[in-house]
Amino acid sequence: MLSVLIPVYNQFVKELVSDLYQQLTREAIPFEIVLGDDASNMEYCQANEKLTELYNEIIYFKADKNLGRSKMRNLLASQACFSYLLFIDCDANMKDNRYISNYLKTIEIYKSSSCFLVNGGVSYRREKPARDYLLR
């Protein structure tokens, strides 16, 4: 049903993946979480790839060279197994433990449409991360 697609660049995503996994399993739907690493430094790659050992529904792949935001998102979409795609940035945090539940309710409302796009809200930390950690 749902492919959660996370482009990753020089970020540890264990907390994000754990939060998403808990919410997705609570919903009892078929899902996958696909981590597309955009040629991060080795320490991030190794840590994030280990998530596949913790969760069967996690797929990890690493690009040989940095593709950039749009190409990585397109690659992630091409790798998705399910009809519904949810893109989440690697530096995101689950502010609400009903995030997935709310998303699924929106799918239900619009699933009879031939095509739809949902654009969610974003909130940022007060302090900006170091330049090396910015995705855009």
N, C-alpha and C. Protein backbone atom coordinates (compact mmCIF):
# COMPACT_ATOMS: atom_id res chain seq x y z
N MET A 1 0.80 -1.20 0.00
CA MET A 1 0.00 0.00 0.00
C MET A 1 0.85 1.27 0.00
N LEU A 2 1.84 1.38 0.93
CA LEU A 2 2.56 2.65 1.10
C LEU A 2 4.07 2.46 1.07
N SER A 3 4.71 3.21 0.20
CA SER A 3 6.17 3.27 0.15
C SER A 3 6.60 4.61 0.74
N VAL A 4 7.35 4.55 1.83
CA VAL A 4 7.90 5.76 2.44
C VAL A 4 9.32 5.90 1.89
N LEU A 5 9.56 7.01 1.21
CA LEU A 5 10.81 7.21 0.48
C LEU A 5 11.61 8.33 1.13
N ILE A 6 12.84 8.01 1.55
CA ILE A 6 13.65 8.97 2.28
C ILE A 6 14.99 9.15 1.57
N PRO A 7 15.19 10.30 0.91
CA PRO A 7 16.51 10.59 0.37
C PRO A 7 17.43 10.98 1.53
N VAL A 8 18.61 10.36 1.58
CA VAL A 8 19.51 10.56 2.71
C VAL A 8 20.83 11.15 2.23
N TYR A 9 21.29 12.16 2.95
CA TYR A 9 22.63 12.69 2.69
C TYR A 9 23.25 13.15 4.01
N ASN A 10 24.31 12.46 4.42
CA ASN A 10 25.08 12.79 5.63
C ASN A 10 24.19 13.05 6.84
N GLN A 11 23.31 12.11 7.10
CA GLN A 11 22.39 12.23 8.23
C GLN A 11 22.14 10.83 8.79
N PHE A 12 22.13 10.72 10.11
CA PHE A 12 21.72 9.47 10.75
C PHE A 12 20.20 9.47 10.80
N VAL A 13 19.57 8.39 10.37
CA VAL A 13 18.10 8.37 10.26
C VAL A 13 17.44 7.34 11.17
N LYS A 14 18.17 6.80 12.11
CA LYS A 14 17.62 5.75 12.97
C LYS A 14 16.38 6.21 13.73
N GLU A 15 16.41 7.39 14.30
CA GLU A 15 15.25 7.88 15.06
C GLU A 15 14.04 8.09 14.16
N LEU A 16 14.25 8.70 13.01
CA LEU A 16 13.16 8.92 12.06
C LEU A 16 12.57 7.58 11.62
N VAL A 17 13.41 6.65 11.23
CA VAL A 17 12.94 5.35 10.76
C VAL A 17 12.20 4.61 11.88
N SER A 18 12.71 4.67 13.07
CA SER A 18 12.06 4.01 14.21
C SER A 18 10.66 4.59 14.45
N ASP A 19 10.55 5.91 14.44
CA ASP A 19 9.24 6.55 14.62
C ASP A 19 8.27 6.15 13.51
N LEU A 20 8.74 6.20 12.28
CA LEU A 20 7.89 5.82 11.15
C LEU A 20 7.48 4.36 11.24
N TYR A 21 8.43 3.50 11.56
CA TYR A 21 8.15 2.07 11.66
C TYR A 21 7.06 1.79 12.70
N GLN A 22 7.17 2.43 13.85
CA GLN A 22 6.16 2.23 14.89
C GLN A 22 4.78 2.66 14.42
N GLN A 23 4.72 3.82 13.77
CA GLN A 23 3.42 4.31 13.29
C GLN A 23 2.87 3.41 12.18
N LEU A 24 3.72 2.98 11.28
CA LEU A 24 3.27 2.14 10.17
C LEU A 24 2.79 0.77 10.64
N THR A 25 3.51 0.17 11.56
CA THR A 25 3.07 -1.15 12.06
C THR A 25 1.78 -1.03 12.86
N ARG A 26 1.59 0.07 13.54
CA ARG A 26 0.34 0.29 14.29
C ARG A 26 -0.86 0.35 13.34
N GLU A 27 -0.64 0.83 12.13
CA GLU A 27 -1.72 0.93 11.14
C GLU A 27 -2.03 -0.41 10.47
N ALA A 28 -1.15 -1.38 10.62
CA ALA A 28 -1.35 -2.73 10.06
C ALA A 28 -1.63 -2.70 8.56
N ILE A 29 -0.77 -2.01 7.83
CA ILE A 29 -0.88 -1.95 6.37
C ILE A 29 0.42 -2.48 5.76
N PRO A 30 0.37 -2.93 4.52
CA PRO A 30 1.62 -3.28 3.84
C PRO A 30 2.42 -1.99 3.59
N PHE A 31 3.71 -2.02 3.89
CA PHE A 31 4.54 -0.83 3.69
C PHE A 31 5.99 -1.22 3.49
N GLU A 32 6.74 -0.27 3.02
CA GLU A 32 8.19 -0.35 2.95
C GLU A 32 8.74 1.03 3.24
N ILE A 33 9.94 1.07 3.77
CA ILE A 33 10.67 2.32 3.96
C ILE A 33 11.94 2.19 3.14
N VAL A 34 12.09 3.04 2.14
CA VAL A 34 13.24 2.96 1.23
C VAL A 34 14.16 4.15 1.51
N LEU A 35 15.39 3.82 1.87
CA LEU A 35 16.41 4.83 2.13
C LEU A 35 17.32 4.90 0.92
N GLY A 36 17.33 6.03 0.24
CA GLY A 36 18.21 6.22 -0.91
C GLY A 36 19.33 7.16 -0.51
N ASP A 37 20.52 6.61 -0.31
CA ASP A 37 21.65 7.39 0.15
C ASP A 37 22.34 8.06 -1.04
N ASP A 38 22.45 9.36 -0.97
CA ASP A 38 22.99 10.14 -2.08
C ASP A 38 24.49 10.38 -1.90
N ALA A 39 25.23 9.27 -1.77
CA ALA A 39 26.69 9.30 -1.65
C ALA A 39 27.17 10.02 -0.40
N SER A 40 26.58 9.65 0.74
CA SER A 40 26.99 10.21 2.03
C SER A 40 28.39 9.72 2.41
N ASN A 41 28.95 10.35 3.45
CA ASN A 41 30.20 9.88 4.02
C ASN A 41 29.98 8.49 4.60
N MET A 42 31.03 7.70 4.66
CA MET A 42 30.96 6.29 5.04
C MET A 42 30.31 6.06 6.40
N GLU A 43 30.57 6.90 7.39
CA GLU A 43 30.01 6.67 8.74
C GLU A 43 28.47 6.68 8.70
N TYR A 44 27.90 7.56 7.90
CA TYR A 44 26.44 7.63 7.78
C TYR A 44 25.93 6.41 7.02
N CYS A 45 26.61 6.05 5.95
CA CYS A 45 26.19 4.89 5.15
C CYS A 45 26.16 3.63 6.00
N GLN A 46 27.23 3.39 6.74
CA GLN A 46 27.30 2.17 7.54
C GLN A 46 26.21 2.13 8.60
N ALA A 47 26.00 3.23 9.30
CA ALA A 47 24.98 3.28 10.34
C ALA A 47 23.58 3.10 9.77
N ASN A 48 23.29 3.78 8.68
CA ASN A 48 21.95 3.71 8.10
C ASN A 48 21.67 2.37 7.43
N GLU A 49 22.68 1.77 6.84
CA GLU A 49 22.50 0.47 6.21
C GLU A 49 22.18 -0.60 7.26
N LYS A 50 22.68 -0.45 8.47
CA LYS A 50 22.42 -1.41 9.55
C LYS A 50 20.94 -1.46 9.92
N LEU A 51 20.19 -0.43 9.57
CA LEU A 51 18.75 -0.42 9.86
C LEU A 51 18.03 -1.57 9.16
N THR A 52 18.59 -2.03 8.05
CA THR A 52 17.97 -3.16 7.32
C THR A 52 18.04 -4.44 8.15
N GLU A 53 18.98 -4.51 9.09
CA GLU A 53 19.09 -5.68 9.96
C GLU A 53 18.04 -5.65 11.07
N LEU A 54 17.55 -4.45 11.41
CA LEU A 54 16.57 -4.30 12.48
C LEU A 54 15.14 -4.48 12.00
N TYR A 55 14.89 -4.09 10.77
CA TYR A 55 13.52 -4.09 10.24
C TYR A 55 13.50 -4.73 8.85
N ASN A 56 12.62 -5.70 8.66
CA ASN A 56 12.51 -6.36 7.35
C ASN A 56 11.99 -5.43 6.26
N GLU A 57 11.22 -4.44 6.64
CA GLU A 57 10.58 -3.56 5.66
C GLU A 57 11.47 -2.40 5.20
N ILE A 58 12.71 -2.38 5.64
CA ILE A 58 13.64 -1.31 5.26
C ILE A 58 14.48 -1.76 4.07
N ILE A 59 14.55 -0.90 3.08
CA ILE A 59 15.41 -1.13 1.92
C ILE A 59 16.40 0.02 1.88
N TYR A 60 17.66 -0.30 1.69
CA TYR A 60 18.72 0.72 1.65
C TYR A 60 19.50 0.54 0.36
N PHE A 61 19.76 1.64 -0.31
CA PHE A 61 20.70 1.62 -1.43
C PHE A 61 21.49 2.92 -1.43
N LYS A 62 22.70 2.85 -1.99
CA LYS A 62 23.60 4.00 -2.01
C LYS A 62 23.99 4.32 -3.44
N ALA A 63 23.89 5.57 -3.80
CA ALA A 63 24.34 6.02 -5.11
C ALA A 63 25.87 6.10 -5.11
N ASP A 64 26.48 5.76 -6.23
CA ASP A 64 27.94 5.82 -6.34
C ASP A 64 28.46 7.25 -6.30
N LYS A 65 27.65 8.17 -6.81
CA LYS A 65 28.02 9.58 -6.80
C LYS A 65 26.79 10.38 -6.41
N ASN A 66 27.00 11.60 -5.94
CA ASN A 66 25.90 12.45 -5.51
C ASN A 66 25.04 12.82 -6.72
N LEU A 67 23.76 12.46 -6.64
CA LEU A 67 22.83 12.70 -7.75
C LEU A 67 22.10 14.03 -7.63
N GLY A 68 21.96 14.51 -6.40
CA GLY A 68 21.17 15.72 -6.18
C GLY A 68 19.75 15.36 -5.81
N ARG A 69 19.06 16.35 -5.32
CA ARG A 69 17.73 16.16 -4.74
C ARG A 69 16.71 15.54 -5.71
N SER A 70 16.55 16.13 -6.86
CA SER A 70 15.51 15.67 -7.80
C SER A 70 15.79 14.28 -8.36
N LYS A 71 17.02 14.03 -8.78
CA LYS A 71 17.34 12.72 -9.34
C LYS A 71 17.20 11.62 -8.29
N MET A 72 17.60 11.91 -7.06
CA MET A 72 17.46 10.90 -6.00
C MET A 72 15.98 10.62 -5.74
N ARG A 73 15.16 11.64 -5.70
CA ARG A 73 13.72 11.43 -5.48
C ARG A 73 13.11 10.61 -6.62
N ASN A 74 13.51 10.90 -7.85
CA ASN A 74 13.00 10.14 -8.98
C ASN A 74 13.46 8.68 -8.92
N LEU A 75 14.71 8.47 -8.50
CA LEU A 75 15.22 7.11 -8.36
C LEU A 75 14.45 6.37 -7.26
N LEU A 76 14.21 7.03 -6.15
CA LEU A 76 13.42 6.42 -5.07
C LEU A 76 12.03 6.03 -5.57
N ALA A 77 11.39 6.92 -6.29
CA ALA A 77 10.05 6.63 -6.81
C ALA A 77 10.08 5.42 -7.74
N SER A 78 11.13 5.31 -8.54
CA SER A 78 11.23 4.17 -9.47
C SER A 78 11.47 2.85 -8.72
N GLN A 79 12.01 2.91 -7.51
CA GLN A 79 12.27 1.71 -6.71
C GLN A 79 11.07 1.28 -5.87
N ALA A 80 10.08 2.15 -5.74
CA ALA A 80 8.94 1.88 -4.85
C ALA A 80 8.10 0.70 -5.33
N CYS A 81 7.65 -0.09 -4.36
CA CYS A 81 6.82 -1.26 -4.67
C CYS A 81 5.32 -0.97 -4.60
N PHE A 82 4.94 0.07 -3.87
CA PHE A 82 3.52 0.31 -3.63
C PHE A 82 3.01 1.52 -4.40
N SER A 83 1.69 1.62 -4.47
CA SER A 83 1.03 2.67 -5.26
C SER A 83 1.13 4.06 -4.65
N TYR A 84 1.12 4.11 -3.32
CA TYR A 84 1.15 5.41 -2.65
C TYR A 84 2.56 5.69 -2.16
N LEU A 85 3.05 6.89 -2.51
CA LEU A 85 4.41 7.29 -2.18
C LEU A 85 4.39 8.44 -1.18
N LEU A 86 5.21 8.32 -0.16
CA LEU A 86 5.34 9.37 0.83
C LEU A 86 6.82 9.72 0.92
N PHE A 87 7.17 10.93 0.48
CA PHE A 87 8.55 11.41 0.56
C PHE A 87 8.74 12.16 1.88
N ILE A 88 9.81 11.81 2.59
CA ILE A 88 10.14 12.49 3.83
C ILE A 88 11.64 12.81 3.80
N ASP A 89 12.00 14.04 4.09
CA ASP A 89 13.42 14.41 4.14
C ASP A 89 14.10 13.73 5.32
N CYS A 90 15.38 13.43 5.14
CA CYS A 90 16.12 12.67 6.16
C CYS A 90 16.33 13.44 7.45
N ASP A 91 16.20 14.75 7.42
CA ASP A 91 16.39 15.54 8.64
C ASP A 91 15.06 15.86 9.33
N ALA A 92 14.00 15.20 8.88
CA ALA A 92 12.68 15.42 9.47
C ALA A 92 12.55 14.66 10.79
N ASN A 93 11.64 15.12 11.61
CA ASN A 93 11.27 14.45 12.85
C ASN A 93 9.76 14.30 12.88
N MET A 94 9.30 13.22 13.46
CA MET A 94 7.86 13.02 13.60
C MET A 94 7.38 13.84 14.80
N LYS A 95 6.77 14.95 14.52
CA LYS A 95 6.28 15.85 15.56
C LYS A 95 4.99 15.33 16.19
N ASP A 96 4.30 14.50 15.44
CA ASP A 96 2.99 14.01 15.84
C ASP A 96 2.96 12.49 15.66
N ASN A 97 2.54 11.75 16.66
CA ASN A 97 2.50 10.30 16.52
C ASN A 97 1.31 9.80 15.71
N ARG A 98 0.55 10.73 15.13
CA ARG A 98 -0.56 10.39 14.22
C ARG A 98 -0.22 10.78 12.79
N TYR A 99 1.03 11.05 12.51
CA TYR A 99 1.44 11.51 11.18
C TYR A 99 0.98 10.53 10.10
N ILE A 100 1.32 9.26 10.26
CA ILE A 100 0.95 8.26 9.26
C ILE A 100 -0.56 8.06 9.24
N SER A 101 -1.17 8.02 10.38
CA SER A 101 -2.63 7.87 10.46
C SER A 101 -3.32 8.99 9.69
N ASN A 102 -2.87 10.21 9.89
CA ASN A 102 -3.45 11.36 9.17
C ASN A 102 -3.22 11.24 7.67
N TYR A 103 -2.05 10.79 7.28
CA TYR A 103 -1.75 10.61 5.86
C TYR A 103 -2.68 9.57 5.24
N LEU A 104 -2.89 8.46 5.96
CA LEU A 104 -3.76 7.40 5.45
C LEU A 104 -5.21 7.86 5.33
N LYS A 105 -5.65 8.71 6.24
CA LYS A 105 -7.01 9.27 6.14
C LYS A 105 -7.14 10.12 4.89
N THR A 106 -6.11 10.84 4.56
CA THR A 106 -6.12 11.67 3.35
C THR A 106 -6.16 10.79 2.11
N ILE A 107 -5.42 9.69 2.13
CA ILE A 107 -5.47 8.75 1.00
C ILE A 107 -6.90 8.25 0.81
N GLU A 108 -7.56 7.88 1.89
CA GLU A 108 -8.93 7.39 1.81
C GLU A 108 -9.87 8.41 1.16
N ILE A 109 -9.70 9.66 1.52
CA ILE A 109 -10.56 10.72 0.99
C ILE A 109 -10.38 10.85 -0.52
N TYR A 110 -9.14 10.77 -0.99
CA TYR A 110 -8.85 11.06 -2.40
C TYR A 110 -8.58 9.83 -3.27
N LYS A 111 -8.65 8.62 -2.73
CA LYS A 111 -8.22 7.47 -3.51
C LYS A 111 -9.10 7.19 -4.72
N SER A 112 -10.29 7.69 -4.75
CA SER A 112 -11.13 7.49 -5.94
C SER A 112 -10.77 8.46 -7.06
N SER A 113 -9.94 9.46 -6.76
CA SER A 113 -9.46 10.39 -7.80
C SER A 113 -8.44 9.67 -8.67
N SER A 114 -8.34 10.08 -9.91
CA SER A 114 -7.38 9.43 -10.80
C SER A 114 -5.95 9.80 -10.44
N CYS A 115 -5.76 10.96 -9.87
CA CYS A 115 -4.41 11.40 -9.51
C CYS A 115 -4.53 12.47 -8.43
N PHE A 116 -3.68 12.38 -7.44
CA PHE A 116 -3.69 13.43 -6.43
C PHE A 116 -2.32 13.57 -5.79
N LEU A 117 -2.10 14.72 -5.23
CA LEU A 117 -0.85 15.04 -4.56
C LEU A 117 -1.18 15.71 -3.25
N VAL A 118 -0.55 15.24 -2.19
CA VAL A 118 -0.74 15.84 -0.87
C VAL A 118 0.59 16.47 -0.49
N ASN A 119 0.55 17.73 -0.10
CA ASN A 119 1.74 18.43 0.34
C ASN A 119 1.56 18.78 1.80
N GLY A 120 2.37 18.17 2.65
CA GLY A 120 2.22 18.37 4.09
C GLY A 120 2.96 19.59 4.59
N GLY A 121 2.72 19.91 5.82
CA GLY A 121 3.39 21.03 6.45
C GLY A 121 4.77 20.65 6.95
N VAL A 122 5.58 21.64 7.16
CA VAL A 122 6.93 21.44 7.64
C VAL A 122 7.18 22.42 8.77
N SER A 123 7.84 21.94 9.80
CA SER A 123 8.30 22.86 10.83
C SER A 123 9.78 22.60 11.03
N TYR A 124 10.52 23.65 11.33
CA TYR A 124 11.96 23.56 11.46
C TYR A 124 12.39 23.88 12.88
N ARG A 125 13.56 23.38 13.23
CA ARG A 125 14.15 23.75 14.51
C ARG A 125 14.50 25.23 14.47
N ARG A 126 14.57 25.82 15.63
CA ARG A 126 14.92 27.24 15.68
C ARG A 126 16.32 27.51 15.17
N GLU A 127 17.27 26.62 15.53
CA GLU A 127 18.64 26.82 15.08
C GLU A 127 18.87 26.05 13.78
N LYS A 128 19.51 26.70 12.85
CA LYS A 128 19.78 26.11 11.55
C LYS A 128 20.96 25.13 11.68
N PRO A 129 20.88 23.95 11.04
CA PRO A 129 22.00 23.01 11.10
C PRO A 129 23.23 23.56 10.38
N ALA A 130 24.37 22.96 10.66
CA ALA A 130 25.60 23.35 9.96
C ALA A 130 25.42 23.12 8.46
N ARG A 131 26.11 23.89 7.66
CA ARG A 131 25.97 23.85 6.21
C ARG A 131 26.15 22.45 5.63
N ASP A 132 27.06 21.67 6.20
CA ASP A 132 27.31 20.32 5.70
C ASP A 132 26.11 19.39 5.87
N TYR A 133 25.15 19.78 6.70
CA TYR A 133 24.00 18.94 6.98
C TYR A 133 22.73 19.42 6.27
N LEU A 134 22.82 20.43 5.47
CA LEU A 134 21.65 20.93 4.76
C LEU A 134 21.42 20.13 3.49
N LEU A 135 20.18 19.73 3.28
CA LEU A 135 19.84 19.03 2.04
C LEU A 135 19.62 20.01 0.90
N ARG A 136 19.10 21.15 1.23
CA ARG A 136 18.83 22.15 0.18
C ARG A 136 19.15 23.53 0.70
